[in-house]
Amino acid sequence: MSINPHKVERLKVLRDSVLVADMNFDERTLSSGLVLLKDDGKNEGIRPRWGRVYATGPEQKDVTEGQWICVAHGRWTRGLKIEDATGTHTIRKIDPKDILLVSDVEPGPDDTLTTAITVPNRRA
């Protein structure tokens, strides 16, 4: 079932809020060419994610529209699909206190791999 995007002409973001778009939750291809399957909702998917700043509130002083930010895992809302003059986007509100990194250019491939949180299966 497909959900039609909400058509918007203008968004007014409140206070120091930050809205992001272009967060990747699909499969990833590492710079080595190795394809990692979609890991959202699994232990391996617990990691920070990059997103492009779609809009900010008037009190937000740390980031500006168009920048890329890395956000701590889980510090974003579920996505809302919208359609504006530039196309269709899935936007999420993020917690500004959990912005880890800021970049003016789109980050390269996400080579984040970890076993730090994976609990081995221990059968007695």
N, C-alpha and C. Protein backbone atom coordinates (compact mmCIF):
# COMPACT_ATOMS: atom_id res chain seq x y z
N MET A 1 0.84 -1.17 0.00
CA MET A 1 0.00 0.00 0.00
C MET A 1 0.89 1.24 0.00
N SER A 2 0.63 2.12 -0.92
CA SER A 2 1.42 3.34 -1.04
C SER A 2 0.66 4.52 -0.43
N ILE A 3 1.38 5.34 0.30
CA ILE A 3 0.77 6.51 0.92
C ILE A 3 1.16 7.73 0.10
N ASN A 4 0.16 8.51 -0.28
CA ASN A 4 0.43 9.72 -1.05
C ASN A 4 1.11 10.76 -0.16
N PRO A 5 2.11 11.46 -0.70
CA PRO A 5 2.79 12.49 0.10
C PRO A 5 1.86 13.67 0.38
N HIS A 6 2.12 14.33 1.51
CA HIS A 6 1.41 15.56 1.84
C HIS A 6 1.98 16.67 0.98
N LYS A 7 1.13 17.43 0.32
CA LYS A 7 1.59 18.53 -0.51
C LYS A 7 1.73 19.78 0.35
N VAL A 8 2.92 20.36 0.33
CA VAL A 8 3.17 21.56 1.13
C VAL A 8 3.78 22.65 0.25
N GLU A 9 3.43 23.87 0.57
CA GLU A 9 4.03 25.01 -0.11
C GLU A 9 5.10 25.65 0.76
N ARG A 10 4.85 25.62 2.09
CA ARG A 10 5.78 26.26 3.01
C ARG A 10 5.67 25.58 4.37
N LEU A 11 6.79 25.37 5.00
CA LEU A 11 6.82 24.83 6.36
C LEU A 11 7.36 25.89 7.31
N LYS A 12 6.78 25.99 8.48
CA LYS A 12 7.31 26.87 9.51
C LYS A 12 7.81 25.97 10.64
N VAL A 13 9.12 25.94 10.79
CA VAL A 13 9.74 25.11 11.81
C VAL A 13 9.87 25.94 13.08
N LEU A 14 9.53 25.36 14.21
CA LEU A 14 9.48 26.10 15.46
C LEU A 14 10.80 26.05 16.23
N ARG A 15 11.05 27.09 16.99
CA ARG A 15 12.18 27.25 17.92
C ARG A 15 13.50 26.78 17.32
N ASP A 16 14.20 25.86 18.00
CA ASP A 16 15.51 25.41 17.51
C ASP A 16 15.42 24.05 16.83
N SER A 17 14.22 23.69 16.37
CA SER A 17 14.02 22.38 15.74
C SER A 17 14.78 22.26 14.43
N VAL A 18 15.08 21.01 14.07
CA VAL A 18 15.77 20.72 12.82
C VAL A 18 15.00 19.60 12.12
N LEU A 19 14.69 19.81 10.84
CA LEU A 19 14.09 18.77 10.00
C LEU A 19 15.15 18.29 9.03
N VAL A 20 15.25 16.97 8.84
CA VAL A 20 16.22 16.41 7.90
C VAL A 20 15.50 15.58 6.84
N ALA A 21 16.16 15.43 5.72
CA ALA A 21 15.71 14.58 4.63
C ALA A 21 16.91 13.72 4.21
N ASP A 22 16.69 12.81 3.31
CA ASP A 22 17.75 11.99 2.72
C ASP A 22 18.50 11.12 3.73
N MET A 23 17.83 10.66 4.78
CA MET A 23 18.45 9.67 5.67
C MET A 23 18.35 8.31 5.00
N ASN A 24 19.41 7.54 5.04
CA ASN A 24 19.46 6.27 4.34
C ASN A 24 19.18 5.11 5.31
N PHE A 25 18.11 4.37 5.02
CA PHE A 25 17.77 3.20 5.81
C PHE A 25 17.77 1.94 4.93
N ASP A 26 18.24 2.07 3.68
CA ASP A 26 18.26 0.95 2.75
C ASP A 26 19.58 0.21 2.82
N GLU A 27 19.78 -0.73 1.90
CA GLU A 27 21.05 -1.43 1.86
C GLU A 27 22.16 -0.44 1.54
N ARG A 28 23.38 -0.79 1.95
CA ARG A 28 24.53 0.09 1.73
C ARG A 28 25.58 -0.65 0.93
N THR A 29 26.32 0.09 0.13
CA THR A 29 27.46 -0.47 -0.58
C THR A 29 28.71 0.18 -0.01
N LEU A 30 29.59 -0.63 0.55
CA LEU A 30 30.83 -0.11 1.12
C LEU A 30 31.76 0.34 0.00
N SER A 31 32.75 1.13 0.33
CA SER A 31 33.70 1.61 -0.67
C SER A 31 34.44 0.45 -1.32
N SER A 32 34.51 -0.70 -0.64
CA SER A 32 35.16 -1.88 -1.18
C SER A 32 34.27 -2.61 -2.19
N GLY A 33 32.98 -2.20 -2.29
CA GLY A 33 32.05 -2.85 -3.20
C GLY A 33 31.15 -3.86 -2.53
N LEU A 34 31.42 -4.19 -1.27
CA LEU A 34 30.61 -5.14 -0.53
C LEU A 34 29.23 -4.53 -0.24
N VAL A 35 28.18 -5.28 -0.50
CA VAL A 35 26.82 -4.80 -0.28
C VAL A 35 26.32 -5.32 1.07
N LEU A 36 25.90 -4.39 1.94
CA LEU A 36 25.32 -4.75 3.23
C LEU A 36 23.81 -4.63 3.10
N LEU A 37 23.10 -5.69 3.45
CA LEU A 37 21.65 -5.68 3.34
C LEU A 37 21.06 -4.67 4.31
N LYS A 38 19.81 -4.32 4.07
CA LYS A 38 19.09 -3.38 4.94
C LYS A 38 19.17 -3.88 6.38
N ASP A 39 19.60 -3.01 7.30
CA ASP A 39 19.80 -3.43 8.68
C ASP A 39 18.92 -2.69 9.67
N ASP A 40 17.99 -1.89 9.18
CA ASP A 40 17.12 -1.13 10.07
C ASP A 40 16.28 -2.09 10.91
N GLY A 41 16.24 -1.86 12.20
CA GLY A 41 15.47 -2.72 13.11
C GLY A 41 16.25 -3.91 13.62
N LYS A 42 17.53 -4.01 13.27
CA LYS A 42 18.38 -5.11 13.74
C LYS A 42 19.52 -4.51 14.57
N ASN A 43 20.20 -5.35 15.33
CA ASN A 43 21.32 -4.88 16.14
C ASN A 43 22.35 -4.14 15.30
N GLU A 44 22.64 -4.66 14.11
CA GLU A 44 23.66 -4.04 13.26
C GLU A 44 23.23 -2.66 12.77
N GLY A 45 21.93 -2.38 12.82
CA GLY A 45 21.42 -1.09 12.37
C GLY A 45 21.49 -0.01 13.43
N ILE A 46 21.97 -0.36 14.62
CA ILE A 46 22.08 0.63 15.68
C ILE A 46 23.38 1.40 15.47
N ARG A 47 23.25 2.54 14.82
CA ARG A 47 24.41 3.37 14.49
C ARG A 47 23.92 4.77 14.13
N PRO A 48 24.79 5.75 14.20
CA PRO A 48 24.39 7.10 13.78
C PRO A 48 24.09 7.12 12.28
N ARG A 49 23.32 8.07 11.86
CA ARG A 49 22.98 8.19 10.44
C ARG A 49 23.13 9.65 10.00
N TRP A 50 23.46 9.81 8.72
CA TRP A 50 23.57 11.13 8.12
C TRP A 50 22.25 11.54 7.49
N GLY A 51 21.96 12.83 7.53
CA GLY A 51 20.79 13.38 6.86
C GLY A 51 21.08 14.81 6.43
N ARG A 52 20.39 15.25 5.40
CA ARG A 52 20.55 16.62 4.91
C ARG A 52 19.54 17.51 5.61
N VAL A 53 20.00 18.65 6.10
CA VAL A 53 19.11 19.58 6.80
C VAL A 53 18.12 20.15 5.78
N TYR A 54 16.84 19.87 6.01
CA TYR A 54 15.78 20.34 5.12
C TYR A 54 15.32 21.74 5.54
N ALA A 55 15.16 21.94 6.85
CA ALA A 55 14.72 23.25 7.37
C ALA A 55 15.08 23.34 8.84
N THR A 56 15.20 24.59 9.34
CA THR A 56 15.51 24.82 10.75
C THR A 56 14.59 25.90 11.30
N GLY A 57 14.44 25.87 12.61
CA GLY A 57 13.68 26.91 13.29
C GLY A 57 14.50 28.17 13.45
N PRO A 58 13.86 29.28 13.79
CA PRO A 58 14.55 30.57 13.87
C PRO A 58 15.58 30.65 15.00
N GLU A 59 15.48 29.81 16.02
CA GLU A 59 16.43 29.84 17.12
C GLU A 59 17.60 28.87 16.92
N GLN A 60 17.62 28.12 15.84
CA GLN A 60 18.68 27.14 15.58
C GLN A 60 19.92 27.88 15.07
N LYS A 61 21.02 27.80 15.82
CA LYS A 61 22.25 28.52 15.48
C LYS A 61 23.38 27.61 15.03
N ASP A 62 23.23 26.28 15.18
CA ASP A 62 24.34 25.36 14.91
C ASP A 62 24.39 24.85 13.48
N VAL A 63 23.24 24.70 12.84
CA VAL A 63 23.21 24.16 11.48
C VAL A 63 22.30 25.01 10.60
N THR A 64 22.52 24.91 9.30
CA THR A 64 21.70 25.65 8.35
C THR A 64 21.19 24.71 7.26
N GLU A 65 20.15 25.12 6.59
CA GLU A 65 19.56 24.33 5.52
C GLU A 65 20.60 23.96 4.48
N GLY A 66 20.57 22.69 4.06
CA GLY A 66 21.50 22.21 3.04
C GLY A 66 22.71 21.50 3.59
N GLN A 67 23.06 21.73 4.86
CA GLN A 67 24.19 21.03 5.45
C GLN A 67 23.83 19.57 5.72
N TRP A 68 24.85 18.73 5.88
CA TRP A 68 24.66 17.33 6.23
C TRP A 68 25.02 17.16 7.69
N ILE A 69 24.20 16.43 8.44
CA ILE A 69 24.47 16.22 9.86
C ILE A 69 24.41 14.72 10.17
N CYS A 70 25.26 14.32 11.08
CA CYS A 70 25.28 12.95 11.58
C CYS A 70 24.56 12.98 12.92
N VAL A 71 23.53 12.14 13.06
CA VAL A 71 22.66 12.16 14.24
C VAL A 71 22.81 10.84 15.00
N ALA A 72 22.90 10.93 16.32
CA ALA A 72 23.00 9.73 17.16
C ALA A 72 21.82 8.80 16.89
N HIS A 73 22.05 7.52 17.00
CA HIS A 73 21.03 6.52 16.68
C HIS A 73 19.72 6.76 17.43
N GLY A 74 18.63 6.70 16.67
CA GLY A 74 17.30 6.76 17.26
C GLY A 74 16.82 8.13 17.68
N ARG A 75 17.58 9.17 17.41
CA ARG A 75 17.21 10.51 17.85
C ARG A 75 16.49 11.26 16.74
N TRP A 76 15.60 10.55 16.04
CA TRP A 76 14.79 11.13 14.99
C TRP A 76 13.39 10.52 15.06
N THR A 77 12.44 11.22 14.44
CA THR A 77 11.06 10.73 14.42
C THR A 77 10.87 9.82 13.21
N ARG A 78 9.72 9.19 13.17
CA ARG A 78 9.36 8.45 11.96
C ARG A 78 9.24 9.44 10.81
N GLY A 79 9.42 8.97 9.61
CA GLY A 79 9.40 9.85 8.45
C GLY A 79 8.00 10.25 8.03
N LEU A 80 7.91 11.46 7.52
CA LEU A 80 6.67 11.99 6.95
C LEU A 80 6.97 12.34 5.50
N LYS A 81 6.25 11.72 4.57
CA LYS A 81 6.49 11.96 3.16
C LYS A 81 5.76 13.24 2.74
N ILE A 82 6.52 14.17 2.16
CA ILE A 82 5.93 15.43 1.69
C ILE A 82 6.32 15.65 0.23
N GLU A 83 5.55 16.47 -0.43
CA GLU A 83 5.86 16.89 -1.79
C GLU A 83 5.86 18.41 -1.83
N ASP A 84 6.98 18.97 -2.28
CA ASP A 84 7.07 20.42 -2.40
C ASP A 84 7.50 20.77 -3.82
N ALA A 85 7.89 22.00 -4.04
CA ALA A 85 8.27 22.45 -5.38
C ALA A 85 9.51 21.72 -5.91
N THR A 86 10.34 21.17 -5.03
CA THR A 86 11.57 20.49 -5.47
C THR A 86 11.40 18.99 -5.62
N GLY A 87 10.25 18.44 -5.25
CA GLY A 87 10.03 17.00 -5.39
C GLY A 87 9.45 16.37 -4.13
N THR A 88 9.58 15.05 -4.04
CA THR A 88 9.07 14.30 -2.90
C THR A 88 10.21 14.00 -1.94
N HIS A 89 9.98 14.21 -0.66
CA HIS A 89 10.99 14.00 0.38
C HIS A 89 10.36 13.27 1.57
N THR A 90 11.17 12.51 2.27
CA THR A 90 10.75 11.97 3.57
C THR A 90 11.50 12.78 4.61
N ILE A 91 10.78 13.53 5.43
CA ILE A 91 11.43 14.38 6.42
C ILE A 91 11.23 13.80 7.81
N ARG A 92 12.21 14.07 8.67
CA ARG A 92 12.18 13.63 10.06
C ARG A 92 12.65 14.78 10.94
N LYS A 93 12.04 14.89 12.10
CA LYS A 93 12.51 15.86 13.10
C LYS A 93 13.57 15.15 13.92
N ILE A 94 14.68 15.82 14.12
CA ILE A 94 15.75 15.21 14.92
C ILE A 94 15.93 16.02 16.20
N ASP A 95 16.59 15.40 17.16
CA ASP A 95 16.89 16.07 18.42
C ASP A 95 18.18 16.88 18.23
N PRO A 96 18.11 18.21 18.26
CA PRO A 96 19.31 19.02 18.00
C PRO A 96 20.46 18.74 18.96
N LYS A 97 20.15 18.26 20.16
CA LYS A 97 21.21 17.96 21.13
C LYS A 97 22.02 16.73 20.73
N ASP A 98 21.50 15.94 19.80
CA ASP A 98 22.18 14.71 19.41
C ASP A 98 22.80 14.78 18.02
N ILE A 99 23.11 15.99 17.56
CA ILE A 99 23.87 16.16 16.33
C ILE A 99 25.33 15.90 16.68
N LEU A 100 25.93 14.91 16.02
CA LEU A 100 27.31 14.54 16.31
C LEU A 100 28.32 15.25 15.43
N LEU A 101 28.00 15.40 14.15
CA LEU A 101 28.91 16.00 13.18
C LEU A 101 28.13 16.86 12.20
N VAL A 102 28.79 17.85 11.62
CA VAL A 102 28.18 18.71 10.60
C VAL A 102 29.14 18.80 9.43
N SER A 103 28.60 18.69 8.20
CA SER A 103 29.42 18.78 7.00
C SER A 103 28.70 19.65 5.98
N ASP A 104 29.47 20.43 5.22
CA ASP A 104 28.89 21.25 4.15
C ASP A 104 28.76 20.45 2.85
N VAL A 105 29.39 19.29 2.79
CA VAL A 105 29.31 18.44 1.60
C VAL A 105 28.73 17.08 1.98
N GLU A 106 28.09 16.44 1.01
CA GLU A 106 27.49 15.13 1.27
C GLU A 106 28.58 14.12 1.65
N PRO A 107 28.39 13.38 2.75
CA PRO A 107 29.38 12.40 3.15
C PRO A 107 29.47 11.27 2.14
N GLY A 108 30.62 10.63 2.11
CA GLY A 108 30.83 9.50 1.21
C GLY A 108 30.09 8.27 1.69
N PRO A 109 30.46 7.11 1.14
CA PRO A 109 29.79 5.87 1.53
C PRO A 109 29.91 5.62 3.03
N ASP A 110 28.85 5.05 3.59
CA ASP A 110 28.83 4.74 5.02
C ASP A 110 29.47 3.38 5.24
N ASP A 111 30.72 3.36 5.71
CA ASP A 111 31.43 2.12 5.96
C ASP A 111 31.36 1.71 7.43
N THR A 112 30.32 2.15 8.13
CA THR A 112 30.19 1.86 9.54
C THR A 112 29.87 0.38 9.75
N LEU A 113 30.77 -0.31 10.39
CA LEU A 113 30.57 -1.71 10.76
C LEU A 113 30.92 -1.85 12.23
N THR A 114 30.12 -2.60 12.96
CA THR A 114 30.43 -2.81 14.36
C THR A 114 29.85 -4.12 14.85
N THR A 115 30.53 -4.71 15.80
CA THR A 115 29.99 -5.89 16.50
C THR A 115 29.93 -5.56 17.98
N ALA A 116 30.12 -4.29 18.30
CA ALA A 116 30.19 -3.87 19.70
C ALA A 116 28.89 -4.13 20.45
N ILE A 117 27.77 -4.13 19.76
CA ILE A 117 26.49 -4.31 20.45
C ILE A 117 25.85 -5.66 20.15
N THR A 118 26.49 -6.45 19.29
CA THR A 118 25.93 -7.74 18.97
C THR A 118 26.19 -8.72 20.10
N VAL A 119 25.13 -9.34 20.57
CA VAL A 119 25.24 -10.31 21.66
C VAL A 119 25.28 -11.69 21.03
N PRO A 120 26.36 -12.46 21.28
CA PRO A 120 26.43 -13.79 20.69
C PRO A 120 25.33 -14.70 21.23
N ASN A 121 24.89 -15.62 20.39
CA ASN A 121 23.87 -16.58 20.79
C ASN A 121 24.54 -17.65 21.64
N ARG A 122 24.17 -17.72 22.91
CA ARG A 122 24.78 -18.69 23.83
C ARG A 122 23.76 -19.76 24.19
N ARG A 123 24.00 -20.91 23.64
CA ARG A 123 23.11 -22.04 23.94
C ARG A 123 23.78 -22.94 24.95
N ALA A 124 23.04 -23.31 25.97
CA ALA A 124 23.61 -24.15 27.04
C ALA A 124 23.62 -25.61 26.65
